């Protein structure tokens, strides 16, 4: 059985990206899914000065261990000004101090969505290009545009073309 760790790159309590990550993770057959919440890993803003005084935050160690326990990591990114949310970037910064290969050579499915027509495609592009340098084996990526028109909390992705695209990616992983 494949162990999947899924989460949103967002600290929003009503995150549409958490909905998408959870939905995608549950498309995999014969898998156990654990959905993380970045709010459980809230740490002071990373700085080398804080690290020198306090060491690497214990929550960074916990997050790193969660990533290490996975066979597949699924992240759906919120896009803030074309980039990662501050909440995600901070967790990534702290965790990368444990090991620059933060994702520990784990397979990854990278996602993004937004209310807009671009569906978080800018941040998805950044992650897809960056994460292989941080030990991520990116097996697929998917952007869902116009979340509120294309996703339903009961049925998931309701636009047939987008649903088929994601199912094809899942099948290939």
C-alpha atoms as a PDB file:
ATOM      1  CA  UNK A   1       0.000   0.000   0.000  1.00  0.00           C
ATOM      2  CA  UNK A   2       1.327   3.412  -1.025  1.00  0.00           C
ATOM      3  CA  UNK A   3       1.527   6.026   1.740  1.00  0.00           C
ATOM      4  CA  UNK A   4       0.551   9.488   0.558  1.00  0.00           C
ATOM      5  CA  UNK A   5       1.257  12.694   2.443  1.00  0.00           C
ATOM      6  CA  UNK A   6      -0.846  15.530   1.005  1.00  0.00           C
ATOM      7  CA  UNK A   7      -1.149  19.173   1.963  1.00  0.00           C
ATOM      8  CA  UNK A   8      -1.816  22.646   0.685  1.00  0.00           C
ATOM      9  CA  UNK A   9       0.897  25.265   0.439  1.00  0.00           C
ATOM     10  CA  UNK A  10      -1.514  27.537   2.297  1.00  0.00           C
ATOM     11  CA  UNK A  11      -2.434  28.391   5.866  1.00  0.00           C
ATOM     12  CA  UNK A  12      -6.019  29.308   5.012  1.00  0.00           C
ATOM     13  CA  UNK A  13      -8.532  27.426   7.123  1.00  0.00           C
ATOM     14  CA  UNK A  14     -10.811  27.251   4.067  1.00  0.00           C
ATOM     15  CA  UNK A  15      -8.035  26.517   1.584  1.00  0.00           C
ATOM     16  CA  UNK A  16      -9.203  25.564  -1.890  1.00  0.00           C
ATOM     17  CA  UNK A  17      -5.758  24.059  -2.403  1.00  0.00           C
ATOM     18  CA  UNK A  18      -6.239  21.764   0.586  1.00  0.00           C
ATOM     19  CA  UNK A  19      -9.512  20.649  -1.004  1.00  0.00           C
ATOM     20  CA  UNK A  20      -7.718  19.918  -4.284  1.00  0.00           C
ATOM     21  CA  UNK A  21      -4.799  18.106  -2.602  1.00  0.00           C
ATOM     22  CA  UNK A  22      -7.194  15.948  -0.577  1.00  0.00           C
ATOM     23  CA  UNK A  23      -9.291  15.171  -3.634  1.00  0.00           C
ATOM     24  CA  UNK A  24      -6.243  14.210  -5.719  1.00  0.00           C
ATOM     25  CA  UNK A  25      -4.763  12.043  -2.963  1.00  0.00           C
ATOM     26  CA  UNK A  26      -7.989  10.095  -2.680  1.00  0.00           C
ATOM     27  CA  UNK A  27      -7.961   9.287  -6.407  1.00  0.00           C
ATOM     28  CA  UNK A  28      -5.131   6.814  -5.817  1.00  0.00           C
ATOM     29  CA  UNK A  29      -6.151   3.212  -5.320  1.00  0.00           C
ATOM     30  CA  UNK A  30      -4.575   1.030  -2.652  1.00  0.00           C
ATOM     31  CA  UNK A  31      -3.166   4.001  -0.772  1.00  0.00           C
ATOM     32  CA  UNK A  32      -3.291   5.379   2.733  1.00  0.00           C
ATOM     33  CA  UNK A  33      -3.663   9.150   2.802  1.00  0.00           C
ATOM     34  CA  UNK A  34      -2.592  11.577   5.502  1.00  0.00           C
ATOM     35  CA  UNK A  35      -3.523  15.207   4.936  1.00  0.00           C
ATOM     36  CA  UNK A  36      -1.342  17.714   6.765  1.00  0.00           C
ATOM     37  CA  UNK A  37      -2.270  21.261   7.725  1.00  0.00           C
ATOM     38  CA  UNK A  38       0.483  23.890   7.517  1.00  0.00           C
ATOM     39  CA  UNK A  39      -1.064  25.583  10.558  1.00  0.00           C
ATOM     40  CA  UNK A  40       0.257  22.663  12.612  1.00  0.00           C
ATOM     41  CA  UNK A  41       3.794  23.639  11.543  1.00  0.00           C
ATOM     42  CA  UNK A  42       3.718  27.365  12.240  1.00  0.00           C
ATOM     43  CA  UNK A  43       7.162  28.581  13.261  1.00  0.00           C
ATOM     44  CA  UNK A  44       8.885  31.936  13.679  1.00  0.00           C
ATOM     45  CA  UNK A  45      10.013  33.474  10.402  1.00  0.00           C
ATOM     46  CA  UNK A  46      13.230  31.698   9.479  1.00  0.00           C
ATOM     47  CA  UNK A  47      16.536  33.472   9.907  1.00  0.00           C
ATOM     48  CA  UNK A  48      20.071  32.182  10.368  1.00  0.00           C
ATOM     49  CA  UNK A  49      20.272  34.274  13.548  1.00  0.00           C
ATOM     50  CA  UNK A  50      17.292  32.444  15.068  1.00  0.00           C
ATOM     51  CA  UNK A  51      18.730  29.126  13.965  1.00  0.00           C
ATOM     52  CA  UNK A  52      22.087  29.926  15.642  1.00  0.00           C
ATOM     53  CA  UNK A  53      20.396  30.772  18.933  1.00  0.00           C
ATOM     54  CA  UNK A  54      17.521  28.251  18.982  1.00  0.00           C
ATOM     55  CA  UNK A  55      18.631  25.516  16.613  1.00  0.00           C
ATOM     56  CA  UNK A  56      16.338  24.066  13.969  1.00  0.00           C
ATOM     57  CA  UNK A  57      12.754  24.297  15.164  1.00  0.00           C
ATOM     58  CA  UNK A  58      11.222  21.015  16.402  1.00  0.00           C
ATOM     59  CA  UNK A  59       8.236  21.469  14.065  1.00  0.00           C
ATOM     60  CA  UNK A  60      10.631  21.478  11.104  1.00  0.00           C
ATOM     61  CA  UNK A  61      11.939  18.103  12.284  1.00  0.00           C
ATOM     62  CA  UNK A  62       8.372  16.799  12.579  1.00  0.00           C
ATOM     63  CA  UNK A  63       7.493  18.030   9.094  1.00  0.00           C
ATOM     64  CA  UNK A  64      10.668  16.524   7.636  1.00  0.00           C
ATOM     65  CA  UNK A  65       9.848  13.172   9.260  1.00  0.00           C
ATOM     66  CA  UNK A  66       6.325  13.272   7.765  1.00  0.00           C
ATOM     67  CA  UNK A  67       7.789  13.848   4.298  1.00  0.00           C
ATOM     68  CA  UNK A  68      10.232  11.004   4.870  1.00  0.00           C
ATOM     69  CA  UNK A  69       7.428   8.613   5.795  1.00  0.00           C
ATOM     70  CA  UNK A  70       5.702   9.079   2.426  1.00  0.00           C
ATOM     71  CA  UNK A  71       5.904   7.108  -0.789  1.00  0.00           C
ATOM     72  CA  UNK A  72       4.241  10.022  -2.588  1.00  0.00           C
ATOM     73  CA  UNK A  73       3.982  13.687  -1.599  1.00  0.00           C
ATOM     74  CA  UNK A  74       1.111  15.744  -3.006  1.00  0.00           C
ATOM     75  CA  UNK A  75       1.226  19.519  -2.624  1.00  0.00           C
ATOM     76  CA  UNK A  76      -1.328  21.967  -3.970  1.00  0.00           C
ATOM     77  CA  UNK A  77       0.010  25.509  -3.968  1.00  0.00           C
ATOM     78  CA  UNK A  78      -1.726  28.725  -3.147  1.00  0.00           C
ATOM     79  CA  UNK A  79      -0.259  31.488  -5.269  1.00  0.00           C
ATOM     80  CA  UNK A  80       0.628  34.709  -3.473  1.00  0.00           C
ATOM     81  CA  UNK A  81       1.915  37.395  -5.828  1.00  0.00           C
ATOM     82  CA  UNK A  82       3.026  34.725  -8.295  1.00  0.00           C
ATOM     83  CA  UNK A  83       4.973  32.699  -5.747  1.00  0.00           C
ATOM     84  CA  UNK A  84       4.705  30.428  -2.685  1.00  0.00           C
ATOM     85  CA  UNK A  85       2.631  31.568   0.266  1.00  0.00           C
ATOM     86  CA  UNK A  86       4.669  32.854   3.191  1.00  0.00           C
ATOM     87  CA  UNK A  87       3.401  29.980   5.349  1.00  0.00           C
ATOM     88  CA  UNK A  88       4.707  27.350   2.921  1.00  0.00           C
ATOM     89  CA  UNK A  89       7.974  29.167   2.218  1.00  0.00           C
ATOM     90  CA  UNK A  90       8.724  29.431   5.923  1.00  0.00           C
ATOM     91  CA  UNK A  91       8.152  25.714   6.532  1.00  0.00           C
ATOM     92  CA  UNK A  92      10.309  24.951   3.483  1.00  0.00           C
ATOM     93  CA  UNK A  93      13.076  27.284   4.694  1.00  0.00           C
ATOM     94  CA  UNK A  94      13.216  25.717   8.161  1.00  0.00           C
ATOM     95  CA  UNK A  95      12.972  22.155   6.864  1.00  0.00           C
ATOM     96  CA  UNK A  96      15.664  22.673   4.243  1.00  0.00           C
ATOM     97  CA  UNK A  97      18.125  23.399   7.066  1.00  0.00           C
ATOM     98  CA  UNK A  98      17.819  19.758   8.135  1.00  0.00           C
ATOM     99  CA  UNK A  99      18.652  18.522   4.643  1.00  0.00           C
ATOM    100  CA  UNK A 100      18.945  20.523   1.415  1.00  0.00           C
ATOM    101  CA  UNK A 101      17.270  17.510  -0.228  1.00  0.00           C
ATOM    102  CA  UNK A 102      14.138  18.349   1.739  1.00  0.00           C
ATOM    103  CA  UNK A 103      11.916  15.985  -0.240  1.00  0.00           C
ATOM    104  CA  UNK A 104      14.240  13.028   0.344  1.00  0.00           C
ATOM    105  CA  UNK A 105      14.018  11.605  -3.192  1.00  0.00           C
ATOM    106  CA  UNK A 106      10.266  11.063  -2.832  1.00  0.00           C
ATOM    107  CA  UNK A 107       7.892  11.026  -5.780  1.00  0.00           C
ATOM    108  CA  UNK A 108       5.733  14.129  -5.967  1.00  0.00           C
ATOM    109  CA  UNK A 109       2.513  15.290  -7.574  1.00  0.00           C
ATOM    110  CA  UNK A 110       2.402  19.074  -7.673  1.00  0.00           C
ATOM    111  CA  UNK A 111      -0.890  20.913  -8.020  1.00  0.00           C
ATOM    112  CA  UNK A 112      -2.242  24.430  -7.894  1.00  0.00           C
ATOM    113  CA  UNK A 113      -5.586  26.115  -8.133  1.00  0.00           C
ATOM    114  CA  UNK A 114      -7.017  29.580  -7.734  1.00  0.00           C
ATOM    115  CA  UNK A 115     -10.281  31.380  -8.358  1.00  0.00           C
ATOM    116  CA  UNK A 116      -8.713  32.871 -11.491  1.00  0.00           C
ATOM    117  CA  UNK A 117      -8.222  31.584 -15.003  1.00  0.00           C
ATOM    118  CA  UNK A 118      -4.498  30.830 -14.564  1.00  0.00           C
ATOM    119  CA  UNK A 119      -5.086  28.408 -11.679  1.00  0.00           C
ATOM    120  CA  UNK A 120      -1.880  29.190  -9.821  1.00  0.00           C
ATOM    121  CA  UNK A 121       0.227  28.276 -12.844  1.00  0.00           C
ATOM    122  CA  UNK A 122       3.056  30.686 -11.937  1.00  0.00           C
ATOM    123  CA  UNK A 123       3.759  29.116  -8.543  1.00  0.00           C
ATOM    124  CA  UNK A 124       3.304  25.629 -10.002  1.00  0.00           C
ATOM    125  CA  UNK A 125       5.974  26.383 -12.595  1.00  0.00           C
ATOM    126  CA  UNK A 126       8.360  27.604  -9.883  1.00  0.00           C
ATOM    127  CA  UNK A 127       7.853  24.461  -7.774  1.00  0.00           C
ATOM    128  CA  UNK A 128       8.118  22.081 -10.727  1.00  0.00           C
ATOM    129  CA  UNK A 129      11.475  23.566 -11.706  1.00  0.00           C
ATOM    130  CA  UNK A 130      12.844  24.011  -8.166  1.00  0.00           C
ATOM    131  CA  UNK A 131      11.892  20.844  -6.306  1.00  0.00           C
ATOM    132  CA  UNK A 132      14.135  18.405  -8.215  1.00  0.00           C
ATOM    133  CA  UNK A 133      17.068  20.366  -6.762  1.00  0.00           C
ATOM    134  CA  UNK A 134      15.591  19.763  -3.323  1.00  0.00           C
ATOM    135  CA  UNK A 135      15.252  16.012  -3.703  1.00  0.00           C
ATOM    136  CA  UNK A 136      11.769  15.861  -5.211  1.00  0.00           C
ATOM    137  CA  UNK A 137      11.011  13.445  -8.022  1.00  0.00           C
ATOM    138  CA  UNK A 138       8.238  15.325  -9.791  1.00  0.00           C
ATOM    139  CA  UNK A 139       6.055  12.698 -11.458  1.00  0.00           C
ATOM    140  CA  UNK A 140       3.304  15.073 -12.542  1.00  0.00           C
ATOM    141  CA  UNK A 141       1.818  18.523 -12.222  1.00  0.00           C
ATOM    142  CA  UNK A 142      -1.675  19.877 -12.705  1.00  0.00           C
ATOM    143  CA  UNK A 143      -3.294  23.297 -12.533  1.00  0.00           C
ATOM    144  CA  UNK A 144      -7.046  23.717 -12.029  1.00  0.00           C
ATOM    145  CA  UNK A 145      -8.228  27.128 -13.218  1.00  0.00           C
ATOM    146  CA  UNK A 146     -11.325  28.901 -11.938  1.00  0.00           C
ATOM    147  CA  UNK A 147     -11.726  26.690  -8.880  1.00  0.00           C
ATOM    148  CA  UNK A 148     -15.268  27.713  -7.979  1.00  0.00           C
ATOM    149  CA  UNK A 149     -16.574  26.975 -11.486  1.00  0.00           C
ATOM    150  CA  UNK A 150     -14.688  23.667 -11.860  1.00  0.00           C
ATOM    151  CA  UNK A 151     -14.767  22.051  -8.408  1.00  0.00           C
ATOM    152  CA  UNK A 152     -17.581  20.912  -6.173  1.00  0.00           C
ATOM    153  CA  UNK A 153     -17.047  19.837  -2.551  1.00  0.00           C
ATOM    154  CA  UNK A 154     -19.134  16.691  -3.060  1.00  0.00           C
ATOM    155  CA  UNK A 155     -18.012  15.623  -6.549  1.00  0.00           C
ATOM    156  CA  UNK A 156     -14.533  17.115  -6.809  1.00  0.00           C
ATOM    157  CA  UNK A 157     -13.509  18.306 -10.257  1.00  0.00           C
ATOM    158  CA  UNK A 158     -16.703  18.684 -12.275  1.00  0.00           C
ATOM    159  CA  UNK A 159     -15.230  19.923 -15.556  1.00  0.00           C
ATOM    160  CA  UNK A 160     -14.794  16.691 -17.599  1.00  0.00           C
ATOM    161  CA  UNK A 161     -11.623  17.771 -19.422  1.00  0.00           C
ATOM    162  CA  UNK A 162      -9.815  18.813 -16.240  1.00  0.00           C
ATOM    163  CA  UNK A 163     -10.995  15.722 -14.391  1.00  0.00           C
ATOM    164  CA  UNK A 164      -9.678  13.491 -17.192  1.00  0.00           C
ATOM    165  CA  UNK A 165      -6.343  15.331 -17.199  1.00  0.00           C
ATOM    166  CA  UNK A 166      -5.822  14.728 -13.490  1.00  0.00           C
ATOM    167  CA  UNK A 167      -6.967  11.095 -13.699  1.00  0.00           C
ATOM    168  CA  UNK A 168      -4.433  10.461 -16.486  1.00  0.00           C
ATOM    169  CA  UNK A 169      -1.643  11.900 -14.337  1.00  0.00           C
ATOM    170  CA  UNK A 170      -2.721   9.818 -11.343  1.00  0.00           C
ATOM    171  CA  UNK A 171      -2.845   6.705 -13.496  1.00  0.00           C
ATOM    172  CA  UNK A 172       0.688   7.366 -14.743  1.00  0.00           C
ATOM    173  CA  UNK A 173       2.047   7.632 -11.186  1.00  0.00           C
END
